Amino acid sequence: MDFLEPAFMQRALLAAVLVGITAPAVGIYLVQRRQALMGDGIGHVAMTGVGLGFLLNSSPVWMATLVAVAGSVAMELIRAYGKTRGDLALALLFYGGMAGGVMLTSLSKTGSNANLTSYLFGSLSTVSEEDVTAISLLAAFVVLVTVGLRRQLFAVSQDEEFARVTGLPVRLLNLLIAVTAAVTVTVAMRVVGLLLVSALMVVPVAAAQQLTKSFRATFVLAVATGITVTLAGTVTSYYQDVPPGATIVLYAIGVFVLLTLLAAPLARRRARAAEAVAVDGCDSPVPAGRKPADDVRV
C-alpha cells in the first residue's frame, strides 16, 4: 500500500473515484439517447477553455468548465434545430475547439505543449489540491442531477415525444443532460484526459448492459465498473509509469469483453428458465400501467 503515501497519489485516487462515479452516471443517458460520442465532442471544445485558462493565468479546470458548458448548449441547440447542415456546424465546433486550445496555449506564457498533453491524456502528478476541490464540487453537481432527476432524464432519453406529452420540460431536460455531460468531461480530464473521457462515459455502461435488464441495475453496475477501472488504472499507472488515461480505458474495454463472454451462457440459462415457466403455465403478465423508469430495460 505504499502507493498511498505520496500526496499526489492521494489526490489522484480521490479524483479517480469521482471520475469513476460521474462518467458512467452521465454516460448511461447519452447511450440511451444514442449520443455516445457527445463526450468526445465536448472534450474537443473544452480544449479552448484549457488554453484560455493558461492565457489568462487562471484555473484551466474552471475555464474548461465554462467553455465546455457553452459548447454543450450549442451542440444541443444544433441537434434540436439544425437541419441538413447540423453535422457541418458540429464539425466546425469540434475542430475549432481543438485548434483554439492549441493556439491559446501557444500564446500564453504559462502554458506549453507538455501542459496541454497532461489535459489531453491525463496525468497523475499534476492533480493539484485546487483541481481536487474543483473536481469535488463539479462531481457533486453531476451526482445530484443524475440521481435526483433520474426518472425525468430517463424518460426524456427514452422517448422525447412521450415525455413531452406527459408534461415534462423536454427542452430544459435535454439542455441539463448536455450541461451535465460537459461538467463530467472537465471532471475527468485530469485523470483520463479530454481525448479519452468519452470512452469512460460509454464503455462501463455498455459493459453493464451485457448482464443487467433494468435501468437501476445498469446504473449501479456501470458506476461500480467505473470506480474499479479508474482505481486499477491509476494504481497501475503509478507502478508501471504508463499513461493513466490509456490504462483506465483499456481496463474498461477488458471488463466489457469479460462481461460479454459471461453474458452468453447467462442469456441461454434465462431462456431455458423462461421456457420452463411457460410450459408450466406459471408466467403471469405484468399488470397494465406498471412500468416505472427504474424497471425499464436500458
C-alpha atoms as a PDB file:
ATOM      1  CA  MET A   1       0.000   0.000   0.000  1.00  0.00           C
ATOM      2  CA  ASP A   2       2.970   2.292  -0.482  1.00  0.00           C
ATOM      3  CA  PHE A   3       1.143   3.996  -3.343  1.00  0.00           C
ATOM      4  CA  LEU A   4      -0.984   5.772  -0.721  1.00  0.00           C
ATOM      5  CA  GLU A   5       1.998   7.559   0.801  1.00  0.00           C
ATOM      6  CA  PRO A   6       2.709  10.244  -1.845  1.00  0.00           C
ATOM      7  CA  ALA A   7       0.391  13.227  -1.571  1.00  0.00           C
ATOM      8  CA  PHE A   8      -0.080  13.430  -5.326  1.00  0.00           C
ATOM      9  CA  MET A   9      -1.328   9.828  -5.374  1.00  0.00           C
ATOM     10  CA  GLN A  10      -3.858  10.569  -2.649  1.00  0.00           C
ATOM     11  CA  ARG A  11      -5.186  13.420  -4.763  1.00  0.00           C
ATOM     12  CA  ALA A  12      -5.118  11.296  -7.923  1.00  0.00           C
ATOM     13  CA  LEU A  13      -7.002   8.414  -6.299  1.00  0.00           C
ATOM     14  CA  LEU A  14      -9.683  10.741  -4.945  1.00  0.00           C
ATOM     15  CA  ALA A  15     -10.074  12.291  -8.383  1.00  0.00           C
ATOM     16  CA  ALA A  16     -10.186   8.808  -9.930  1.00  0.00           C
ATOM     17  CA  VAL A  17     -13.058   7.723  -7.660  1.00  0.00           C
ATOM     18  CA  LEU A  18     -15.034  10.856  -8.523  1.00  0.00           C
ATOM     19  CA  VAL A  19     -14.426  10.299 -12.222  1.00  0.00           C
ATOM     20  CA  GLY A  20     -15.420   6.642 -11.908  1.00  0.00           C
ATOM     21  CA  ILE A  21     -18.753   7.704 -10.416  1.00  0.00           C
ATOM     22  CA  THR A  22     -19.640  10.656 -12.608  1.00  0.00           C
ATOM     23  CA  ALA A  23     -18.620   9.442 -16.079  1.00  0.00           C
ATOM     24  CA  PRO A  24     -20.896   6.349 -16.200  1.00  0.00           C
ATOM     25  CA  ALA A  25     -23.649   8.210 -14.320  1.00  0.00           C
ATOM     26  CA  VAL A  26     -23.924  10.648 -17.233  1.00  0.00           C
ATOM     27  CA  GLY A  27     -22.940   8.154 -19.900  1.00  0.00           C
ATOM     28  CA  ILE A  28     -25.991   5.958 -19.284  1.00  0.00           C
ATOM     29  CA  TYR A  29     -28.239   8.775 -20.522  1.00  0.00           C
ATOM     30  CA  LEU A  30     -26.017   9.529 -23.513  1.00  0.00           C
ATOM     31  CA  VAL A  31     -26.013   5.863 -24.529  1.00  0.00           C
ATOM     32  CA  GLN A  32     -29.797   5.750 -24.233  1.00  0.00           C
ATOM     33  CA  ARG A  33     -30.039   8.859 -26.449  1.00  0.00           C
ATOM     34  CA  ARG A  34     -27.596   7.348 -28.968  1.00  0.00           C
ATOM     35  CA  GLN A  35     -25.151  10.187 -28.323  1.00  0.00           C
ATOM     36  CA  ALA A  36     -22.209   8.046 -27.275  1.00  0.00           C
ATOM     37  CA  LEU A  37     -19.689  10.351 -28.956  1.00  0.00           C
ATOM     38  CA  MET A  38     -21.027  13.559 -27.423  1.00  0.00           C
ATOM     39  CA  GLY A  39     -18.376  13.456 -24.688  1.00  0.00           C
ATOM     40  CA  ASP A  40     -15.672  13.313 -27.339  1.00  0.00           C
ATOM     41  CA  GLY A  41     -17.019  16.448 -29.000  1.00  0.00           C
ATOM     42  CA  ILE A  42     -17.268  18.293 -25.687  1.00  0.00           C
ATOM     43  CA  GLY A  43     -13.673  17.282 -24.949  1.00  0.00           C
ATOM     44  CA  HIS A  44     -12.527  18.975 -28.137  1.00  0.00           C
ATOM     45  CA  VAL A  45     -14.397  22.161 -27.216  1.00  0.00           C
ATOM     46  CA  ALA A  46     -13.037  22.100 -23.640  1.00  0.00           C
ATOM     47  CA  MET A  47      -9.513  22.375 -25.039  1.00  0.00           C
ATOM     48  CA  THR A  48     -10.233  26.018 -25.809  1.00  0.00           C
ATOM     49  CA  GLY A  49     -11.110  26.531 -22.143  1.00  0.00           C
ATOM     50  CA  VAL A  50      -7.839  24.927 -21.058  1.00  0.00           C
ATOM     51  CA  GLY A  51      -5.885  27.194 -23.407  1.00  0.00           C
ATOM     52  CA  LEU A  52      -7.863  30.216 -22.199  1.00  0.00           C
ATOM     53  CA  GLY A  53      -7.015  29.322 -18.611  1.00  0.00           C
ATOM     54  CA  PHE A  54      -3.309  29.282 -19.450  1.00  0.00           C
ATOM     55  CA  LEU A  55      -3.598  32.562 -21.349  1.00  0.00           C
ATOM     56  CA  LEU A  56      -5.456  34.366 -18.547  1.00  0.00           C
ATOM     57  CA  ASN A  57      -3.358  32.722 -15.818  1.00  0.00           C
ATOM     58  CA  SER A  58      -6.477  31.282 -14.182  1.00  0.00           C
ATOM     59  CA  SER A  59      -7.661  27.763 -13.353  1.00  0.00           C
ATOM     60  CA  PRO A  60      -7.794  25.669 -16.557  1.00  0.00           C
ATOM     61  CA  VAL A  61     -10.381  23.385 -14.923  1.00  0.00           C
ATOM     62  CA  TRP A  62     -12.883  26.167 -14.262  1.00  0.00           C
ATOM     63  CA  MET A  63     -12.247  27.849 -17.621  1.00  0.00           C
ATOM     64  CA  ALA A  64     -12.678  24.496 -19.370  1.00  0.00           C
ATOM     65  CA  THR A  65     -15.946  24.014 -17.487  1.00  0.00           C
ATOM     66  CA  LEU A  66     -17.332  27.353 -18.665  1.00  0.00           C
ATOM     67  CA  VAL A  67     -16.322  26.807 -22.280  1.00  0.00           C
ATOM     68  CA  ALA A  68     -17.477  23.165 -22.288  1.00  0.00           C
ATOM     69  CA  VAL A  69     -20.891  24.149 -20.886  1.00  0.00           C
ATOM     70  CA  ALA A  70     -21.279  26.828 -23.568  1.00  0.00           C
ATOM     71  CA  GLY A  71     -20.190  24.335 -26.217  1.00  0.00           C
ATOM     72  CA  SER A  72     -22.571  21.637 -24.971  1.00  0.00           C
ATOM     73  CA  VAL A  73     -25.505  24.066 -25.065  1.00  0.00           C
ATOM     74  CA  ALA A  74     -24.563  24.997 -28.630  1.00  0.00           C
ATOM     75  CA  MET A  75     -24.351  21.298 -29.549  1.00  0.00           C
ATOM     76  CA  GLU A  76     -27.802  20.600 -28.095  1.00  0.00           C
ATOM     77  CA  LEU A  77     -29.333  23.576 -29.910  1.00  0.00           C
ATOM     78  CA  ILE A  78     -27.745  22.431 -33.165  1.00  0.00           C
ATOM     79  CA  ARG A  79     -29.105  18.923 -32.588  1.00  0.00           C
ATOM     80  CA  ALA A  80     -32.589  20.249 -31.862  1.00  0.00           C
ATOM     81  CA  TYR A  81     -32.853  22.872 -34.574  1.00  0.00           C
ATOM     82  CA  GLY A  82     -30.155  22.000 -37.093  1.00  0.00           C
ATOM     83  CA  LYS A  83     -31.350  20.693 -40.418  1.00  0.00           C
ATOM     84  CA  THR A  84     -29.187  19.318 -43.188  1.00  0.00           C
ATOM     85  CA  ARG A  85     -26.141  21.348 -42.138  1.00  0.00           C
ATOM     86  CA  GLY A  86     -26.248  20.419 -38.478  1.00  0.00           C
ATOM     87  CA  ASP A  87     -23.422  17.907 -38.814  1.00  0.00           C
ATOM     88  CA  LEU A  88     -21.242  20.514 -40.542  1.00  0.00           C
ATOM     89  CA  ALA A  89     -21.849  23.006 -37.733  1.00  0.00           C
ATOM     90  CA  LEU A  90     -20.891  20.380 -35.147  1.00  0.00           C
ATOM     91  CA  ALA A  91     -17.711  19.545 -37.063  1.00  0.00           C
ATOM     92  CA  LEU A  92     -16.717  23.210 -37.147  1.00  0.00           C
ATOM     93  CA  LEU A  93     -17.395  23.472 -33.418  1.00  0.00           C
ATOM     94  CA  PHE A  94     -15.287  20.399 -32.597  1.00  0.00           C
ATOM     95  CA  TYR A  95     -12.313  21.254 -34.781  1.00  0.00           C
ATOM     96  CA  GLY A  96     -12.473  24.917 -33.845  1.00  0.00           C
ATOM     97  CA  GLY A  97     -12.363  23.982 -30.160  1.00  0.00           C
ATOM     98  CA  MET A  98      -9.265  21.858 -30.617  1.00  0.00           C
ATOM     99  CA  ALA A  99      -7.483  24.430 -32.765  1.00  0.00           C
ATOM    100  CA  GLY A 100      -8.406  27.212 -30.339  1.00  0.00           C
ATOM    101  CA  GLY A 101      -6.965  25.295 -27.410  1.00  0.00           C
ATOM    102  CA  VAL A 102      -3.644  24.681 -29.142  1.00  0.00           C
ATOM    103  CA  MET A 103      -3.388  28.298 -30.323  1.00  0.00           C
ATOM    104  CA  LEU A 104      -4.265  29.889 -26.978  1.00  0.00           C
ATOM    105  CA  THR A 105      -1.837  27.595 -25.149  1.00  0.00           C
ATOM    106  CA  SER A 106       0.982  28.568 -27.513  1.00  0.00           C
ATOM    107  CA  LEU A 107       0.223  32.271 -26.976  1.00  0.00           C
ATOM    108  CA  SER A 108       0.250  32.004 -23.188  1.00  0.00           C
ATOM    109  CA  LYS A 109       3.316  32.467 -21.023  1.00  0.00           C
ATOM    110  CA  THR A 110       2.490  29.719 -18.559  1.00  0.00           C
ATOM    111  CA  GLY A 111       1.261  27.027 -20.943  1.00  0.00           C
ATOM    112  CA  SER A 112       3.243  24.614 -23.097  1.00  0.00           C
ATOM    113  CA  ASN A 113       2.690  21.522 -25.187  1.00  0.00           C
ATOM    114  CA  ALA A 114       3.609  19.409 -22.148  1.00  0.00           C
ATOM    115  CA  ASN A 115       0.937  21.159 -20.060  1.00  0.00           C
ATOM    116  CA  LEU A 116      -1.653  20.644 -22.777  1.00  0.00           C
ATOM    117  CA  THR A 117      -0.737  16.963 -23.138  1.00  0.00           C
ATOM    118  CA  SER A 118      -1.469  16.349 -19.461  1.00  0.00           C
ATOM    119  CA  TYR A 119      -5.015  17.610 -20.047  1.00  0.00           C
ATOM    120  CA  LEU A 120      -5.418  15.640 -23.267  1.00  0.00           C
ATOM    121  CA  PHE A 121      -4.371  12.257 -21.878  1.00  0.00           C
ATOM    122  CA  GLY A 122      -4.398  12.708 -18.094  1.00  0.00           C
ATOM    123  CA  SER A 123      -1.532  12.949 -15.624  1.00  0.00           C
ATOM    124  CA  LEU A 124      -1.292  11.747 -12.034  1.00  0.00           C
ATOM    125  CA  SER A 125       1.460  14.040 -10.825  1.00  0.00           C
ATOM    126  CA  THR A 126      -0.257  17.245 -11.992  1.00  0.00           C
ATOM    127  CA  VAL A 127      -3.504  16.835  -9.999  1.00  0.00           C
ATOM    128  CA  SER A 128      -3.307  19.719  -7.531  1.00  0.00           C
ATOM    129  CA  GLU A 129      -5.335  20.488  -4.405  1.00  0.00           C
ATOM    130  CA  GLU A 130      -7.132  23.181  -6.356  1.00  0.00           C
ATOM    131  CA  ASP A 131      -8.028  20.605  -9.016  1.00  0.00           C
ATOM    132  CA  VAL A 132      -9.368  18.217  -6.365  1.00  0.00           C
ATOM    133  CA  THR A 133     -11.564  20.964  -4.911  1.00  0.00           C
ATOM    134  CA  ALA A 134     -12.940  21.865  -8.334  1.00  0.00           C
ATOM    135  CA  ILE A 135     -13.474  18.211  -9.278  1.00  0.00           C
ATOM    136  CA  SER A 136     -15.270  17.504  -5.985  1.00  0.00           C
ATOM    137  CA  LEU A 137     -17.683  20.410  -6.415  1.00  0.00           C
ATOM    138  CA  LEU A 138     -18.395  19.564 -10.039  1.00  0.00           C
ATOM    139  CA  ALA A 139     -18.837  15.866  -9.238  1.00  0.00           C
ATOM    140  CA  ALA A 140     -21.358  16.712  -6.511  1.00  0.00           C
ATOM    141  CA  PHE A 141     -23.400  18.624  -9.099  1.00  0.00           C
ATOM    142  CA  VAL A 142     -23.274  15.698 -11.547  1.00  0.00           C
ATOM    143  CA  VAL A 143     -24.369  13.140  -8.938  1.00  0.00           C
ATOM    144  CA  LEU A 144     -27.166  15.412  -7.714  1.00  0.00           C
ATOM    145  CA  VAL A 145     -28.559  15.777 -11.235  1.00  0.00           C
ATOM    146  CA  THR A 146     -28.106  12.216 -12.499  1.00  0.00           C
ATOM    147  CA  VAL A 147     -29.507  10.562  -9.368  1.00  0.00           C
ATOM    148  CA  GLY A 148     -32.038  13.132  -8.208  1.00  0.00           C
ATOM    149  CA  LEU A 149     -33.643  13.541 -11.646  1.00  0.00           C
ATOM    150  CA  ARG A 150     -33.064  10.015 -12.929  1.00  0.00           C
ATOM    151  CA  ARG A 151     -36.729   9.327 -13.728  1.00  0.00           C
ATOM    152  CA  GLN A 152     -37.191  12.544 -15.700  1.00  0.00           C
ATOM    153  CA  LEU A 153     -33.866  12.221 -17.512  1.00  0.00           C
ATOM    154  CA  PHE A 154     -34.550   8.599 -18.379  1.00  0.00           C
ATOM    155  CA  ALA A 155     -37.999   9.460 -19.736  1.00  0.00           C
ATOM    156  CA  VAL A 156     -36.553  12.150 -21.990  1.00  0.00           C
ATOM    157  CA  SER A 157     -33.721   9.898 -23.130  1.00  0.00           C
ATOM    158  CA  GLN A 158     -36.099   7.017 -23.850  1.00  0.00           C
ATOM    159  CA  ASP A 159     -38.823   8.859 -25.772  1.00  0.00           C
ATOM    160  CA  GLU A 160     -38.911  12.643 -26.119  1.00  0.00           C
ATOM    161  CA  GLU A 161     -42.404  12.737 -27.605  1.00  0.00           C
ATOM    162  CA  PHE A 162     -43.889  10.668 -24.788  1.00  0.00           C
ATOM    163  CA  ALA A 163     -42.072  12.801 -22.208  1.00  0.00           C
ATOM    164  CA  ARG A 164     -43.463  15.934 -23.828  1.00  0.00           C
ATOM    165  CA  VAL A 165     -46.997  14.556 -23.753  1.00  0.00           C
ATOM    166  CA  THR A 166     -46.680  13.766 -20.048  1.00  0.00           C
ATOM    167  CA  GLY A 167     -45.821  17.409 -19.377  1.00  0.00           C
ATOM    168  CA  LEU A 168     -42.070  17.163 -18.752  1.00  0.00           C
ATOM    169  CA  PRO A 169     -39.942  20.199 -19.756  1.00  0.00           C
ATOM    170  CA  VAL A 170     -38.161  18.281 -22.530  1.00  0.00           C
ATOM    171  CA  ARG A 171     -36.065  21.158 -23.849  1.00  0.00           C
ATOM    172  CA  LEU A 172     -34.830  22.087 -20.375  1.00  0.00           C
ATOM    173  CA  LEU A 173     -34.019  18.470 -19.514  1.00  0.00           C
ATOM    174  CA  ASN A 174     -32.143  17.998 -22.792  1.00  0.00           C
ATOM    175  CA  LEU A 175     -30.050  21.062 -22.019  1.00  0.00           C
ATOM    176  CA  LEU A 176     -29.463  19.778 -18.490  1.00  0.00           C
ATOM    177  CA  ILE A 177     -28.133  16.468 -19.844  1.00  0.00           C
ATOM    178  CA  ALA A 178     -25.812  18.374 -22.189  1.00  0.00           C
ATOM    179  CA  VAL A 179     -24.540  20.649 -19.418  1.00  0.00           C
ATOM    180  CA  THR A 180     -24.041  17.707 -17.046  1.00  0.00           C
ATOM    181  CA  ALA A 181     -22.055  15.892 -19.736  1.00  0.00           C
ATOM    182  CA  ALA A 182     -19.868  18.981 -20.170  1.00  0.00           C
ATOM    183  CA  VAL A 183     -19.212  19.190 -16.439  1.00  0.00           C
ATOM    184  CA  THR A 184     -18.328  15.489 -16.395  1.00  0.00           C
ATOM    185  CA  VAL A 185     -15.767  15.976 -19.151  1.00  0.00           C
ATOM    186  CA  THR A 186     -13.965  18.631 -17.136  1.00  0.00           C
ATOM    187  CA  VAL A 187     -14.163  16.459 -14.011  1.00  0.00           C
ATOM    188  CA  ALA A 188     -12.451  13.601 -15.832  1.00  0.00           C
ATOM    189  CA  MET A 189      -9.842  15.447 -17.868  1.00  0.00           C
ATOM    190  CA  ARG A 190      -7.157  15.481 -15.145  1.00  0.00           C
ATOM    191  CA  VAL A 191      -7.328  11.698 -14.732  1.00  0.00           C
ATOM    192  CA  VAL A 192      -8.430  10.257 -18.072  1.00  0.00           C
ATOM    193  CA  GLY A 193      -7.767  13.165 -20.419  1.00  0.00           C
ATOM    194  CA  LEU A 194     -10.056  15.101 -22.740  1.00  0.00           C
ATOM    195  CA  LEU A 195      -9.498  12.764 -25.679  1.00  0.00           C
ATOM    196  CA  LEU A 196     -10.354   9.588 -23.752  1.00  0.00           C
ATOM    197  CA  VAL A 197     -13.090  10.702 -21.380  1.00  0.00           C
ATOM    198  CA  SER A 198     -15.846   9.714 -23.802  1.00  0.00           C
ATOM    199  CA  ALA A 199     -14.740   6.077 -23.555  1.00  0.00           C
ATOM    200  CA  LEU A 200     -15.165   6.096 -19.771  1.00  0.00           C
ATOM    201  CA  MET A 201     -18.648   7.556 -20.178  1.00  0.00           C
ATOM    202  CA  VAL A 202     -19.732   4.833 -22.592  1.00  0.00           C
ATOM    203  CA  VAL A 203     -17.754   1.589 -22.114  1.00  0.00           C
ATOM    204  CA  PRO A 204     -18.770   0.876 -18.461  1.00  0.00           C
ATOM    205  CA  VAL A 205     -22.407   1.388 -19.441  1.00  0.00           C
ATOM    206  CA  ALA A 206     -22.067  -0.925 -22.441  1.00  0.00           C
ATOM    207  CA  ALA A 207     -20.369  -3.493 -20.213  1.00  0.00           C
ATOM    208  CA  ALA A 208     -23.120  -3.324 -17.585  1.00  0.00           C
ATOM    209  CA  GLN A 209     -25.817  -3.760 -20.221  1.00  0.00           C
ATOM    210  CA  GLN A 210     -24.413  -7.184 -21.058  1.00  0.00           C
ATOM    211  CA  LEU A 211     -25.657  -8.550 -17.725  1.00  0.00           C
ATOM    212  CA  THR A 212     -28.438  -6.268 -16.492  1.00  0.00           C
ATOM    213  CA  LYS A 213     -32.067  -5.895 -17.536  1.00  0.00           C
ATOM    214  CA  SER A 214     -33.217  -2.737 -15.738  1.00  0.00           C
ATOM    215  CA  PHE A 215     -32.111   0.868 -15.620  1.00  0.00           C
ATOM    216  CA  ARG A 216     -31.328   0.759 -11.905  1.00  0.00           C
ATOM    217  CA  ALA A 217     -29.151  -2.356 -12.179  1.00  0.00           C
ATOM    218  CA  THR A 218     -27.342  -0.955 -15.212  1.00  0.00           C
ATOM    219  CA  PHE A 219     -26.688   2.319 -13.420  1.00  0.00           C
ATOM    220  CA  VAL A 220     -25.268   0.622 -10.310  1.00  0.00           C
ATOM    221  CA  LEU A 221     -23.092  -1.864 -12.217  1.00  0.00           C
ATOM    222  CA  ALA A 222     -21.806   0.820 -14.602  1.00  0.00           C
ATOM    223  CA  VAL A 223     -20.758   3.074 -11.715  1.00  0.00           C
ATOM    224  CA  ALA A 224     -19.136   0.135  -9.903  1.00  0.00           C
ATOM    225  CA  THR A 225     -17.229  -0.713 -13.080  1.00  0.00           C
ATOM    226  CA  GLY A 226     -16.172   2.904 -13.491  1.00  0.00           C
ATOM    227  CA  ILE A 227     -14.798   3.110  -9.963  1.00  0.00           C
ATOM    228  CA  THR A 228     -12.987  -0.217 -10.320  1.00  0.00           C
ATOM    229  CA  VAL A 229     -11.246   0.578 -13.598  1.00  0.00           C
ATOM    230  CA  THR A 230     -10.278   4.133 -12.617  1.00  0.00           C
ATOM    231  CA  LEU A 231      -8.698   2.970  -9.361  1.00  0.00           C
ATOM    232  CA  ALA A 232      -6.987  -0.004 -11.036  1.00  0.00           C
ATOM    233  CA  GLY A 233      -5.714   2.175 -13.868  1.00  0.00           C
ATOM    234  CA  THR A 234      -4.424   4.847 -11.504  1.00  0.00           C
ATOM    235  CA  VAL A 235      -2.522   2.347  -9.356  1.00  0.00           C
ATOM    236  CA  THR A 236      -1.128   0.584 -12.427  1.00  0.00           C
ATOM    237  CA  SER A 237      -0.005   3.914 -13.841  1.00  0.00           C
ATOM    238  CA  TYR A 238       1.867   4.661 -10.618  1.00  0.00           C
ATOM    239  CA  TYR A 239       3.761   1.363 -10.544  1.00  0.00           C
ATOM    240  CA  GLN A 240       4.349   0.856 -14.266  1.00  0.00           C
ATOM    241  CA  ASP A 241       4.822   4.512 -15.279  1.00  0.00           C
ATOM    242  CA  VAL A 242       2.241   4.311 -18.070  1.00  0.00           C
ATOM    243  CA  PRO A 243      -0.374   6.922 -19.079  1.00  0.00           C
ATOM    244  CA  PRO A 244      -3.328   6.767 -16.665  1.00  0.00           C
ATOM    245  CA  GLY A 245      -5.986   7.628 -19.239  1.00  0.00           C
ATOM    246  CA  ALA A 246      -4.993   4.918 -21.681  1.00  0.00           C
ATOM    247  CA  THR A 247      -4.621   2.362 -18.882  1.00  0.00           C
ATOM    248  CA  ILE A 248      -8.075   3.121 -17.472  1.00  0.00           C
ATOM    249  CA  VAL A 249      -9.759   2.887 -20.875  1.00  0.00           C
ATOM    250  CA  LEU A 250      -8.024  -0.414 -21.684  1.00  0.00           C
ATOM    251  CA  TYR A 251      -9.161  -1.831 -18.342  1.00  0.00           C
ATOM    252  CA  ALA A 252     -12.723  -0.706 -19.119  1.00  0.00           C
ATOM    253  CA  ILE A 253     -12.602  -2.418 -22.509  1.00  0.00           C
ATOM    254  CA  GLY A 254     -11.257  -5.554 -20.820  1.00  0.00           C
ATOM    255  CA  VAL A 255     -14.223  -5.565 -18.415  1.00  0.00           C
ATOM    256  CA  PHE A 256     -16.569  -5.137 -21.373  1.00  0.00           C
ATOM    257  CA  VAL A 257     -15.066  -8.165 -23.132  1.00  0.00           C
ATOM    258  CA  LEU A 258     -15.226 -10.233 -19.928  1.00  0.00           C
ATOM    259  CA  LEU A 259     -18.869  -9.406 -19.208  1.00  0.00           C
ATOM    260  CA  THR A 260     -19.772 -10.037 -22.847  1.00  0.00           C
ATOM    261  CA  LEU A 261     -18.306 -13.533 -22.586  1.00  0.00           C
ATOM    262  CA  LEU A 262     -20.232 -14.140 -19.360  1.00  0.00           C
ATOM    263  CA  ALA A 263     -23.471 -12.804 -20.799  1.00  0.00           C
ATOM    264  CA  ALA A 264     -23.909 -15.518 -23.454  1.00  0.00           C
ATOM    265  CA  PRO A 265     -24.314 -18.526 -21.115  1.00  0.00           C
ATOM    266  CA  LEU A 266     -26.360 -16.403 -18.715  1.00  0.00           C
ATOM    267  CA  ALA A 267     -28.743 -15.472 -21.533  1.00  0.00           C
ATOM    268  CA  ARG A 268     -29.134 -19.134 -22.514  1.00  0.00           C
ATOM    269  CA  ARG A 269     -29.872 -20.053 -18.902  1.00  0.00           C
ATOM    270  CA  ARG A 270     -32.524 -17.335 -18.667  1.00  0.00           C
ATOM    271  CA  ALA A 271     -34.096 -18.507 -21.924  1.00  0.00           C
ATOM    272  CA  ARG A 272     -34.324 -22.107 -20.668  1.00  0.00           C
ATOM    273  CA  ALA A 273     -35.853 -20.893 -17.392  1.00  0.00           C
ATOM    274  CA  ALA A 274     -38.416 -18.811 -19.274  1.00  0.00           C
ATOM    275  CA  GLU A 275     -39.341 -21.775 -21.459  1.00  0.00           C
ATOM    276  CA  ALA A 276     -39.792 -23.962 -18.385  1.00  0.00           C
ATOM    277  CA  VAL A 277     -42.077 -21.390 -16.770  1.00  0.00           C
ATOM    278  CA  ALA A 278     -44.104 -21.048 -19.983  1.00  0.00           C
ATOM    279  CA  VAL A 279     -44.562 -24.803 -20.202  1.00  0.00           C
ATOM    280  CA  ASP A 280     -45.789 -24.952 -16.624  1.00  0.00           C
ATOM    281  CA  GLY A 281     -48.190 -22.120 -17.309  1.00  0.00           C
ATOM    282  CA  CYS A 282     -46.909 -20.123 -14.384  1.00  0.00           C
ATOM    283  CA  ASP A 283     -45.793 -16.968 -16.147  1.00  0.00           C
ATOM    284  CA  SER A 284     -48.009 -14.059 -15.202  1.00  0.00           C
ATOM    285  CA  PRO A 285     -48.310 -10.868 -17.261  1.00  0.00           C
ATOM    286  CA  VAL A 286     -47.138  -7.540 -15.939  1.00  0.00           C
ATOM    287  CA  PRO A 287     -50.089  -5.510 -14.640  1.00  0.00           C
ATOM    288  CA  ALA A 288     -51.166  -2.765 -17.016  1.00  0.00           C
ATOM    289  CA  GLY A 289     -49.618   0.604 -16.344  1.00  0.00           C
ATOM    290  CA  ARG A 290     -46.816  -0.711 -14.135  1.00  0.00           C
ATOM    291  CA  LYS A 291     -43.547   0.217 -15.765  1.00  0.00           C
ATOM    292  CA  PRO A 292     -41.546   2.614 -13.588  1.00  0.00           C
ATOM    293  CA  ALA A 293     -38.343   4.040 -15.026  1.00  0.00           C
ATOM    294  CA  ASP A 294     -36.148   2.010 -12.708  1.00  0.00           C
ATOM    295  CA  ASP A 295     -37.560  -1.253 -14.098  1.00  0.00           C
ATOM    296  CA  VAL A 296     -37.302  -0.379 -17.809  1.00  0.00           C
ATOM    297  CA  ARG A 297     -34.679  -2.169 -19.868  1.00  0.00           C
ATOM    298  CA  VAL A 298     -31.849   0.123 -20.899  1.00  0.00           C
END
